Amino acid sequence: MSSVSEAGGQSSKRTIALVLAVIGVLGIILGIVYLAVPAGSLPAIFGRTTPANGHHVVRMAVSFVIGVACLVGAWFVNKGGKAPVSAGASTPAEASTPRD
């Protein structure tokens, strides 16, 4: 048994999904930057670049793949958090109705 309450579990799942979504969006943005900006014109924050002409195709592809994988992971984490209503549970209206 887990000592985490159900509400706390939902909160942690939501936090994980949010972090994965942010990383995914950043990965896709980074892939777009690698696609749009030539290797010699990249900002210094991206590190030293060897090919002065052309683009970083491998870095672009890896950024897109990581971005999409994180977004899919966030979707699965967020999707799995819903608990179905059991068929045997009675509603308050049914419980207050007198039976013969």
N, C-alpha and C. Protein backbone atom coordinates (compact mmCIF):
# COMPACT_ATOMS: atom_id res chain seq x y z
N MET A 1 0.83 -1.17 0.00
CA MET A 1 0.00 0.00 0.00
C MET A 1 0.88 1.24 0.00
N SER A 2 0.39 2.25 -0.62
CA SER A 2 1.13 3.51 -0.68
C SER A 2 0.61 4.47 0.37
N SER A 3 1.53 5.24 0.94
CA SER A 3 1.11 6.21 1.94
C SER A 3 0.74 7.55 1.31
N VAL A 4 0.87 7.65 -0.01
CA VAL A 4 0.51 8.88 -0.71
C VAL A 4 -0.99 8.89 -0.92
N SER A 5 -1.62 10.00 -0.58
CA SER A 5 -3.06 10.10 -0.79
C SER A 5 -3.36 10.21 -2.27
N GLU A 6 -4.61 9.95 -2.62
CA GLU A 6 -4.99 9.97 -4.02
C GLU A 6 -4.83 11.37 -4.62
N ALA A 7 -5.14 12.40 -3.86
CA ALA A 7 -4.99 13.77 -4.35
C ALA A 7 -3.52 14.10 -4.57
N GLY A 8 -2.64 13.61 -3.68
CA GLY A 8 -1.21 13.85 -3.84
C GLY A 8 -0.66 13.14 -5.06
N GLY A 9 -1.19 11.97 -5.37
CA GLY A 9 -0.76 11.24 -6.56
C GLY A 9 -1.14 11.97 -7.83
N GLN A 10 -2.33 12.56 -7.85
CA GLN A 10 -2.77 13.32 -9.00
C GLN A 10 -1.89 14.55 -9.20
N SER A 11 -1.52 15.19 -8.09
CA SER A 11 -0.69 16.39 -8.17
C SER A 11 0.69 16.06 -8.72
N SER A 12 1.27 14.95 -8.27
CA SER A 12 2.59 14.59 -8.77
C SER A 12 2.54 14.18 -10.24
N LYS A 13 1.47 13.50 -10.65
CA LYS A 13 1.33 13.14 -12.07
C LYS A 13 1.20 14.39 -12.92
N ARG A 14 0.45 15.36 -12.42
CA ARG A 14 0.27 16.60 -13.17
C ARG A 14 1.60 17.35 -13.29
N THR A 15 2.39 17.33 -12.22
CA THR A 15 3.69 18.00 -12.24
C THR A 15 4.63 17.32 -13.23
N ILE A 16 4.64 16.00 -13.23
CA ILE A 16 5.48 15.25 -14.17
C ILE A 16 5.05 15.54 -15.61
N ALA A 17 3.75 15.55 -15.85
CA ALA A 17 3.25 15.84 -17.20
C ALA A 17 3.63 17.25 -17.63
N LEU A 18 3.56 18.20 -16.71
CA LEU A 18 3.92 19.58 -17.04
C LEU A 18 5.41 19.71 -17.37
N VAL A 19 6.25 19.06 -16.58
CA VAL A 19 7.70 19.11 -16.83
C VAL A 19 8.02 18.46 -18.17
N LEU A 20 7.42 17.31 -18.45
CA LEU A 20 7.64 16.65 -19.75
C LEU A 20 7.16 17.51 -20.90
N ALA A 21 6.04 18.18 -20.74
CA ALA A 21 5.52 19.04 -21.81
C ALA A 21 6.45 20.23 -22.06
N VAL A 22 6.97 20.83 -20.99
CA VAL A 22 7.88 21.97 -21.16
C VAL A 22 9.17 21.51 -21.85
N ILE A 23 9.72 20.37 -21.43
CA ILE A 23 10.93 19.85 -22.07
C ILE A 23 10.65 19.53 -23.54
N GLY A 24 9.48 18.97 -23.82
CA GLY A 24 9.11 18.65 -25.20
C GLY A 24 9.02 19.88 -26.08
N VAL A 25 8.38 20.92 -25.58
CA VAL A 25 8.26 22.15 -26.35
C VAL A 25 9.64 22.78 -26.57
N LEU A 26 10.47 22.78 -25.53
CA LEU A 26 11.83 23.32 -25.68
C LEU A 26 12.65 22.51 -26.68
N GLY A 27 12.47 21.20 -26.68
CA GLY A 27 13.19 20.36 -27.65
C GLY A 27 12.78 20.66 -29.07
N ILE A 28 11.49 20.87 -29.29
CA ILE A 28 11.02 21.19 -30.65
C ILE A 28 11.51 22.58 -31.07
N ILE A 29 11.49 23.54 -30.14
CA ILE A 29 12.01 24.88 -30.45
C ILE A 29 13.50 24.80 -30.79
N LEU A 30 14.25 24.02 -30.03
CA LEU A 30 15.68 23.86 -30.31
C LEU A 30 15.90 23.23 -31.68
N GLY A 31 15.07 22.26 -32.04
CA GLY A 31 15.18 21.65 -33.36
C GLY A 31 14.90 22.65 -34.47
N ILE A 32 13.94 23.54 -34.25
CA ILE A 32 13.64 24.57 -35.24
C ILE A 32 14.81 25.54 -35.37
N VAL A 33 15.44 25.87 -34.24
CA VAL A 33 16.61 26.76 -34.28
C VAL A 33 17.73 26.10 -35.07
N TYR A 34 17.99 24.81 -34.82
CA TYR A 34 19.04 24.11 -35.57
C TYR A 34 18.69 24.02 -37.05
N LEU A 35 17.42 23.97 -37.39
CA LEU A 35 17.01 23.91 -38.79
C LEU A 35 17.13 25.27 -39.47
N ALA A 36 16.75 26.33 -38.77
CA ALA A 36 16.66 27.65 -39.40
C ALA A 36 17.98 28.41 -39.43
N VAL A 37 18.84 28.22 -38.43
CA VAL A 37 20.06 29.03 -38.32
C VAL A 37 21.26 28.21 -38.80
N PRO A 38 22.06 28.78 -39.69
CA PRO A 38 23.27 28.06 -40.12
C PRO A 38 24.21 27.81 -38.94
N ALA A 39 25.01 26.77 -39.03
CA ALA A 39 25.86 26.34 -37.93
C ALA A 39 26.85 27.43 -37.50
N GLY A 40 27.35 28.22 -38.42
CA GLY A 40 28.30 29.26 -38.08
C GLY A 40 27.66 30.46 -37.40
N SER A 41 26.33 30.58 -37.47
CA SER A 41 25.63 31.73 -36.90
C SER A 41 24.90 31.41 -35.60
N LEU A 42 25.07 30.20 -35.10
CA LEU A 42 24.38 29.83 -33.86
C LEU A 42 24.91 30.63 -32.67
N PRO A 43 24.06 30.95 -31.71
CA PRO A 43 24.54 31.66 -30.52
C PRO A 43 25.56 30.82 -29.75
N ALA A 44 26.37 31.49 -28.95
CA ALA A 44 27.44 30.80 -28.21
C ALA A 44 26.89 29.82 -27.19
N ILE A 45 25.64 30.01 -26.75
CA ILE A 45 25.05 29.11 -25.75
C ILE A 45 24.92 27.68 -26.29
N PHE A 46 24.89 27.52 -27.60
CA PHE A 46 24.77 26.18 -28.20
C PHE A 46 26.11 25.47 -28.31
N GLY A 47 27.17 26.10 -27.86
CA GLY A 47 28.48 25.47 -27.88
C GLY A 47 29.23 25.73 -29.17
N ARG A 48 30.43 25.18 -29.22
CA ARG A 48 31.28 25.36 -30.38
C ARG A 48 30.79 24.48 -31.51
N THR A 49 30.75 25.04 -32.70
CA THR A 49 30.27 24.30 -33.86
C THR A 49 31.40 24.11 -34.85
N THR A 50 31.54 22.90 -35.36
CA THR A 50 32.61 22.59 -36.31
C THR A 50 32.25 23.00 -37.73
N PRO A 51 31.10 22.54 -38.27
CA PRO A 51 30.81 22.94 -39.65
C PRO A 51 30.35 24.39 -39.71
N ALA A 52 31.12 25.23 -40.40
CA ALA A 52 30.77 26.65 -40.48
C ALA A 52 29.65 26.88 -41.48
N ASN A 53 29.55 26.03 -42.48
CA ASN A 53 28.47 26.16 -43.47
C ASN A 53 27.47 25.04 -43.25
N GLY A 54 26.25 25.25 -43.56
CA GLY A 54 25.25 24.20 -43.42
C GLY A 54 24.58 24.21 -42.07
N HIS A 55 23.90 23.13 -41.78
CA HIS A 55 23.12 23.02 -40.55
C HIS A 55 23.52 21.75 -39.79
N HIS A 56 23.17 21.71 -38.53
CA HIS A 56 23.42 20.52 -37.72
C HIS A 56 22.22 19.58 -37.86
N VAL A 57 22.30 18.70 -38.83
CA VAL A 57 21.17 17.82 -39.13
C VAL A 57 20.94 16.82 -38.00
N VAL A 58 22.00 16.24 -37.47
CA VAL A 58 21.85 15.23 -36.42
C VAL A 58 21.30 15.87 -35.14
N ARG A 59 21.84 17.02 -34.75
CA ARG A 59 21.33 17.70 -33.57
C ARG A 59 19.87 18.11 -33.74
N MET A 60 19.52 18.54 -34.95
CA MET A 60 18.14 18.91 -35.22
C MET A 60 17.22 17.70 -35.08
N ALA A 61 17.61 16.58 -35.66
CA ALA A 61 16.78 15.38 -35.60
C ALA A 61 16.62 14.88 -34.16
N VAL A 62 17.72 14.86 -33.41
CA VAL A 62 17.66 14.41 -32.02
C VAL A 62 16.78 15.34 -31.18
N SER A 63 16.86 16.65 -31.42
CA SER A 63 16.02 17.60 -30.69
C SER A 63 14.55 17.36 -30.98
N PHE A 64 14.21 17.14 -32.25
CA PHE A 64 12.81 16.87 -32.60
C PHE A 64 12.32 15.56 -31.98
N VAL A 65 13.15 14.52 -32.04
CA VAL A 65 12.75 13.22 -31.49
C VAL A 65 12.54 13.31 -29.98
N ILE A 66 13.45 13.96 -29.28
CA ILE A 66 13.31 14.11 -27.83
C ILE A 66 12.09 14.95 -27.50
N GLY A 67 11.87 16.02 -28.26
CA GLY A 67 10.71 16.88 -28.03
C GLY A 67 9.40 16.13 -28.21
N VAL A 68 9.28 15.39 -29.29
CA VAL A 68 8.05 14.64 -29.54
C VAL A 68 7.88 13.52 -28.51
N ALA A 69 8.97 12.85 -28.14
CA ALA A 69 8.88 11.77 -27.14
C ALA A 69 8.42 12.32 -25.79
N CYS A 70 8.93 13.48 -25.40
CA CYS A 70 8.51 14.08 -24.13
C CYS A 70 7.05 14.51 -24.17
N LEU A 71 6.60 15.05 -25.30
CA LEU A 71 5.19 15.44 -25.41
C LEU A 71 4.27 14.21 -25.37
N VAL A 72 4.68 13.13 -26.02
CA VAL A 72 3.89 11.90 -25.97
C VAL A 72 3.88 11.34 -24.55
N GLY A 73 5.02 11.37 -23.88
CA GLY A 73 5.10 10.92 -22.49
C GLY A 73 4.21 11.75 -21.58
N ALA A 74 4.19 13.06 -21.79
CA ALA A 74 3.33 13.94 -20.99
C ALA A 74 1.86 13.61 -21.23
N TRP A 75 1.51 13.32 -22.46
CA TRP A 75 0.13 12.97 -22.79
C TRP A 75 -0.28 11.67 -22.09
N PHE A 76 0.61 10.67 -22.12
CA PHE A 76 0.29 9.40 -21.47
C PHE A 76 0.19 9.54 -19.95
N VAL A 77 1.08 10.33 -19.35
CA VAL A 77 1.02 10.53 -17.90
C VAL A 77 -0.26 11.25 -17.52
N ASN A 78 -0.64 12.25 -18.29
CA ASN A 78 -1.84 13.02 -17.99
C ASN A 78 -3.10 12.22 -18.28
N LYS A 79 -3.07 11.38 -19.30
CA LYS A 79 -4.23 10.58 -19.69
C LYS A 79 -4.54 9.51 -18.65
N GLY A 80 -3.54 8.90 -18.07
CA GLY A 80 -3.73 7.79 -17.15
C GLY A 80 -4.24 8.20 -15.78
N GLY A 81 -4.45 9.47 -15.51
CA GLY A 81 -4.83 9.92 -14.18
C GLY A 81 -6.31 9.85 -13.86
N LYS A 82 -7.15 9.56 -14.81
CA LYS A 82 -8.59 9.56 -14.58
C LYS A 82 -9.04 8.21 -14.02
N ALA A 83 -9.82 8.24 -12.92
CA ALA A 83 -10.35 7.01 -12.33
C ALA A 83 -11.80 6.83 -12.79
N PRO A 84 -12.16 5.66 -13.32
CA PRO A 84 -13.53 5.46 -13.79
C PRO A 84 -14.49 5.34 -12.61
N VAL A 85 -15.75 5.74 -12.84
CA VAL A 85 -16.78 5.62 -11.83
C VAL A 85 -17.27 4.18 -11.85
N SER A 86 -17.36 3.55 -10.68
CA SER A 86 -17.79 2.15 -10.63
C SER A 86 -19.28 2.05 -10.90
N ALA A 87 -19.69 0.95 -11.52
CA ALA A 87 -21.09 0.77 -11.90
C ALA A 87 -21.96 0.48 -10.68
N GLY A 88 -21.39 -0.04 -9.60
CA GLY A 88 -22.18 -0.41 -8.43
C GLY A 88 -22.45 0.74 -7.48
N ALA A 89 -21.85 1.89 -7.69
CA ALA A 89 -22.05 3.02 -6.78
C ALA A 89 -23.42 3.64 -7.02
N SER A 90 -24.08 3.96 -5.94
CA SER A 90 -25.40 4.59 -6.07
C SER A 90 -25.26 6.09 -5.95
N THR A 91 -26.11 6.80 -6.65
CA THR A 91 -26.11 8.25 -6.57
C THR A 91 -26.91 8.68 -5.37
N PRO A 92 -26.76 9.89 -4.87
CA PRO A 92 -27.54 10.34 -3.71
C PRO A 92 -29.05 10.31 -3.97
N ALA A 93 -29.48 10.52 -5.20
CA ALA A 93 -30.91 10.49 -5.50
C ALA A 93 -31.46 9.08 -5.33
N GLU A 94 -30.69 8.07 -5.72
CA GLU A 94 -31.12 6.69 -5.57
C GLU A 94 -31.15 6.28 -4.09
N ALA A 95 -30.23 6.79 -3.32
CA ALA A 95 -30.13 6.42 -1.93
C ALA A 95 -31.31 7.01 -1.12
N SER A 96 -31.84 8.15 -1.51
CA SER A 96 -32.92 8.78 -0.75
C SER A 96 -34.31 8.34 -1.21
N THR A 97 -34.40 7.60 -2.31
CA THR A 97 -35.68 7.14 -2.83
C THR A 97 -36.17 5.94 -1.98
N PRO A 98 -37.38 6.03 -1.43
CA PRO A 98 -37.88 4.88 -0.65
C PRO A 98 -38.20 3.71 -1.57
N ARG A 99 -37.89 2.53 -1.08
CA ARG A 99 -38.17 1.31 -1.88
C ARG A 99 -39.28 0.52 -1.21
N ASP A 100 -40.10 -0.11 -2.02
CA ASP A 100 -41.22 -0.91 -1.50
C ASP A 100 -40.83 -2.30 -1.17
